[in-house]
Amino acid sequence: MLATSLDTTFAALADPTRRAILARLAQGEASVLELAEPFAMSQPAISKHLKVLERAGLISRTRDAQRRPCRIEAQALGEANVWLETYRPFWEGRVGRLDDLLHEMKRNPAKSTPPKR
């Protein structure tokens, strides 16, 4: 089940418009019209993006009279973060080795110059 959930989450996050919508919702709830403002696309196109985010569990919508505010939901992002965190030791090891190499290059600049061809 978690793999399917992650697939849906990462598929939703793959689109820059949807990531921008999430960034806006991280500041607080907003209506579809408010979310559509910064984009050069129609309200129906924004609604399609919202449906993808909603199916992935990244946002929720409520009804407030005529207004349907959207809000960000943390659980799906939290699950994706847990999955990504399993790779942290790998990347920290890589960055650590790069840091060691850069320090060595500073100590011995002659060795760090590539040979001339």
C-alpha atoms as a PDB file:
ATOM      1  CA  MET A   1       0.000   0.000   0.000  1.00  0.00           C
ATOM      2  CA  LEU A   2       2.808   2.424   0.862  1.00  0.00           C
ATOM      3  CA  ALA A   3       4.425   1.958  -2.578  1.00  0.00           C
ATOM      4  CA  THR A   4       1.168   2.865  -4.331  1.00  0.00           C
ATOM      5  CA  SER A   5       0.751   5.879  -2.068  1.00  0.00           C
ATOM      6  CA  LEU A   6       4.312   7.014  -2.772  1.00  0.00           C
ATOM      7  CA  ASP A   7       3.821   6.525  -6.504  1.00  0.00           C
ATOM      8  CA  THR A   8       0.724   8.726  -6.411  1.00  0.00           C
ATOM      9  CA  THR A   9       2.454  11.348  -4.272  1.00  0.00           C
ATOM     10  CA  PHE A  10       5.560  11.583  -6.438  1.00  0.00           C
ATOM     11  CA  ALA A  11       3.472  11.599  -9.641  1.00  0.00           C
ATOM     12  CA  ALA A  12       1.512  14.548  -8.264  1.00  0.00           C
ATOM     13  CA  LEU A  13       4.714  16.327  -7.227  1.00  0.00           C
ATOM     14  CA  ALA A  14       6.293  15.804 -10.648  1.00  0.00           C
ATOM     15  CA  ASP A  15       4.453  18.803 -12.093  1.00  0.00           C
ATOM     16  CA  PRO A  16       5.862  22.292 -11.345  1.00  0.00           C
ATOM     17  CA  THR A  17       2.393  23.871 -11.280  1.00  0.00           C
ATOM     18  CA  ARG A  18       1.256  21.436  -8.601  1.00  0.00           C
ATOM     19  CA  ARG A  19       4.421  22.071  -6.579  1.00  0.00           C
ATOM     20  CA  ALA A  20       3.754  25.822  -6.825  1.00  0.00           C
ATOM     21  CA  ILE A  21       0.173  25.276  -5.665  1.00  0.00           C
ATOM     22  CA  LEU A  22       1.446  23.322  -2.654  1.00  0.00           C
ATOM     23  CA  ALA A  23       3.956  26.081  -1.890  1.00  0.00           C
ATOM     24  CA  ARG A  24       1.103  28.607  -1.889  1.00  0.00           C
ATOM     25  CA  LEU A  25      -1.076  26.380   0.318  1.00  0.00           C
ATOM     26  CA  ALA A  26       1.810  26.002   2.791  1.00  0.00           C
ATOM     27  CA  GLN A  27       1.130  29.683   3.587  1.00  0.00           C
ATOM     28  CA  GLY A  28      -2.538  29.021   4.338  1.00  0.00           C
ATOM     29  CA  GLU A  29      -5.774  27.918   2.725  1.00  0.00           C
ATOM     30  CA  ALA A  30      -6.879  29.467  -0.561  1.00  0.00           C
ATOM     31  CA  SER A  31      -9.744  29.284  -3.034  1.00  0.00           C
ATOM     32  CA  VAL A  32      -9.428  27.951  -6.568  1.00  0.00           C
ATOM     33  CA  LEU A  33      -9.547  31.514  -7.894  1.00  0.00           C
ATOM     34  CA  GLU A  34      -6.764  32.581  -5.535  1.00  0.00           C
ATOM     35  CA  LEU A  35      -4.670  29.593  -6.567  1.00  0.00           C
ATOM     36  CA  ALA A  36      -5.260  30.299 -10.279  1.00  0.00           C
ATOM     37  CA  GLU A  37      -4.120  33.963 -10.081  1.00  0.00           C
ATOM     38  CA  PRO A  38      -0.364  33.509 -10.627  1.00  0.00           C
ATOM     39  CA  PHE A  39      -0.781  31.064 -13.518  1.00  0.00           C
ATOM     40  CA  ALA A  40      -1.530  31.703 -17.168  1.00  0.00           C
ATOM     41  CA  MET A  41      -4.155  28.963 -17.295  1.00  0.00           C
ATOM     42  CA  SER A  42      -7.877  28.619 -16.972  1.00  0.00           C
ATOM     43  CA  GLN A  43      -9.735  27.849 -13.763  1.00  0.00           C
ATOM     44  CA  PRO A  44     -10.735  24.396 -15.141  1.00  0.00           C
ATOM     45  CA  ALA A  45      -7.034  23.614 -15.762  1.00  0.00           C
ATOM     46  CA  ILE A  46      -6.178  24.596 -12.172  1.00  0.00           C
ATOM     47  CA  SER A  47      -9.100  22.458 -10.983  1.00  0.00           C
ATOM     48  CA  LYS A  48      -7.591  19.457 -12.771  1.00  0.00           C
ATOM     49  CA  HIS A  49      -4.298  20.026 -10.954  1.00  0.00           C
ATOM     50  CA  LEU A  50      -6.190  20.291  -7.672  1.00  0.00           C
ATOM     51  CA  LYS A  51      -7.956  16.981  -8.338  1.00  0.00           C
ATOM     52  CA  VAL A  52      -4.573  15.274  -8.841  1.00  0.00           C
ATOM     53  CA  LEU A  53      -3.282  16.767  -5.579  1.00  0.00           C
ATOM     54  CA  GLU A  54      -6.478  15.776  -3.789  1.00  0.00           C
ATOM     55  CA  ARG A  55      -6.341  12.170  -5.063  1.00  0.00           C
ATOM     56  CA  ALA A  56      -2.743  11.978  -3.818  1.00  0.00           C
ATOM     57  CA  GLY A  57      -3.898  13.152  -0.384  1.00  0.00           C
ATOM     58  CA  LEU A  58      -1.713  16.263  -0.596  1.00  0.00           C
ATOM     59  CA  ILE A  59      -4.617  18.707  -0.267  1.00  0.00           C
ATOM     60  CA  SER A  60      -8.190  18.708   0.956  1.00  0.00           C
ATOM     61  CA  ARG A  61     -11.135  20.901   0.042  1.00  0.00           C
ATOM     62  CA  THR A  62     -13.956  22.008   2.262  1.00  0.00           C
ATOM     63  CA  ARG A  63     -17.173  23.856   1.556  1.00  0.00           C
ATOM     64  CA  ASP A  64     -17.754  27.288   3.068  1.00  0.00           C
ATOM     65  CA  ALA A  65     -21.017  28.593   1.539  1.00  0.00           C
ATOM     66  CA  GLN A  66     -20.071  29.335  -2.101  1.00  0.00           C
ATOM     67  CA  ARG A  67     -16.354  29.112  -1.405  1.00  0.00           C
ATOM     68  CA  ARG A  68     -14.403  25.811  -1.526  1.00  0.00           C
ATOM     69  CA  PRO A  69     -11.114  26.563   0.208  1.00  0.00           C
ATOM     70  CA  CYS A  70      -8.174  24.200  -0.304  1.00  0.00           C
ATOM     71  CA  ARG A  71      -5.636  23.363   2.374  1.00  0.00           C
ATOM     72  CA  ILE A  72      -2.436  21.382   2.389  1.00  0.00           C
ATOM     73  CA  GLU A  73      -2.431  17.974   4.097  1.00  0.00           C
ATOM     74  CA  ALA A  74       0.770  16.891   5.781  1.00  0.00           C
ATOM     75  CA  GLN A  75       0.389  13.099   5.942  1.00  0.00           C
ATOM     76  CA  ALA A  76       1.244  12.254   2.303  1.00  0.00           C
ATOM     77  CA  LEU A  77       4.205  14.634   2.351  1.00  0.00           C
ATOM     78  CA  GLY A  78       5.311  13.084   5.635  1.00  0.00           C
ATOM     79  CA  GLU A  79       5.240   9.595   4.112  1.00  0.00           C
ATOM     80  CA  ALA A  80       7.324  10.804   1.161  1.00  0.00           C
ATOM     81  CA  ASN A  81       9.765  12.441   3.566  1.00  0.00           C
ATOM     82  CA  VAL A  82      10.144   9.213   5.562  1.00  0.00           C
ATOM     83  CA  TRP A  83      10.953   7.353   2.342  1.00  0.00           C
ATOM     84  CA  LEU A  84      13.481  10.015   1.266  1.00  0.00           C
ATOM     85  CA  GLU A  85      15.123  10.033   4.694  1.00  0.00           C
ATOM     86  CA  THR A  86      16.183   6.406   4.183  1.00  0.00           C
ATOM     87  CA  TYR A  87      18.612   7.730   1.562  1.00  0.00           C
ATOM     88  CA  ARG A  88      20.084  10.468   3.759  1.00  0.00           C
ATOM     89  CA  PRO A  89      23.133   8.389   4.880  1.00  0.00           C
ATOM     90  CA  PHE A  90      23.987   7.684   1.240  1.00  0.00           C
ATOM     91  CA  TRP A  91      23.924  11.361   0.248  1.00  0.00           C
ATOM     92  CA  GLU A  92      25.666  12.531   3.404  1.00  0.00           C
ATOM     93  CA  GLY A  93      28.442  10.028   2.676  1.00  0.00           C
ATOM     94  CA  ARG A  94      28.796  11.396  -0.843  1.00  0.00           C
ATOM     95  CA  VAL A  95      28.888  14.988   0.372  1.00  0.00           C
ATOM     96  CA  GLY A  96      31.413  14.016   3.060  1.00  0.00           C
ATOM     97  CA  ARG A  97      33.735  12.491   0.463  1.00  0.00           C
ATOM     98  CA  LEU A  98      33.401  15.582  -1.732  1.00  0.00           C
ATOM     99  CA  ASP A  99      34.212  17.781   1.262  1.00  0.00           C
ATOM    100  CA  ASP A 100      37.330  15.678   1.987  1.00  0.00           C
ATOM    101  CA  LEU A 101      38.423  15.998  -1.647  1.00  0.00           C
ATOM    102  CA  LEU A 102      37.966  19.781  -1.633  1.00  0.00           C
ATOM    103  CA  HIS A 103      40.019  20.109   1.568  1.00  0.00           C
ATOM    104  CA  GLU A 104      42.764  17.961   0.013  1.00  0.00           C
ATOM    105  CA  MET A 105      42.737  20.123  -3.122  1.00  0.00           C
ATOM    106  CA  LYS A 106      43.168  23.261  -1.002  1.00  0.00           C
ATOM    107  CA  ARG A 107      46.089  21.714   0.900  1.00  0.00           C
ATOM    108  CA  ASN A 108      47.835  20.452  -2.266  1.00  0.00           C
ATOM    109  CA  PRO A 109      46.841  22.672  -5.215  1.00  0.00           C
ATOM    110  CA  ALA A 110      49.563  21.217  -7.471  1.00  0.00           C
ATOM    111  CA  LYS A 111      48.013  17.742  -7.217  1.00  0.00           C
ATOM    112  CA  SER A 112      44.552  19.056  -8.017  1.00  0.00           C
ATOM    113  CA  THR A 113      45.543  20.636 -11.352  1.00  0.00           C
ATOM    114  CA  PRO A 114      44.595  18.356 -14.241  1.00  0.00           C
ATOM    115  CA  PRO A 115      47.485  17.243 -16.485  1.00  0.00           C
ATOM    116  CA  LYS A 116      48.001  19.207 -19.706  1.00  0.00           C
ATOM    117  CA  ARG A 117      47.398  17.395 -22.940  1.00  0.00           C
END
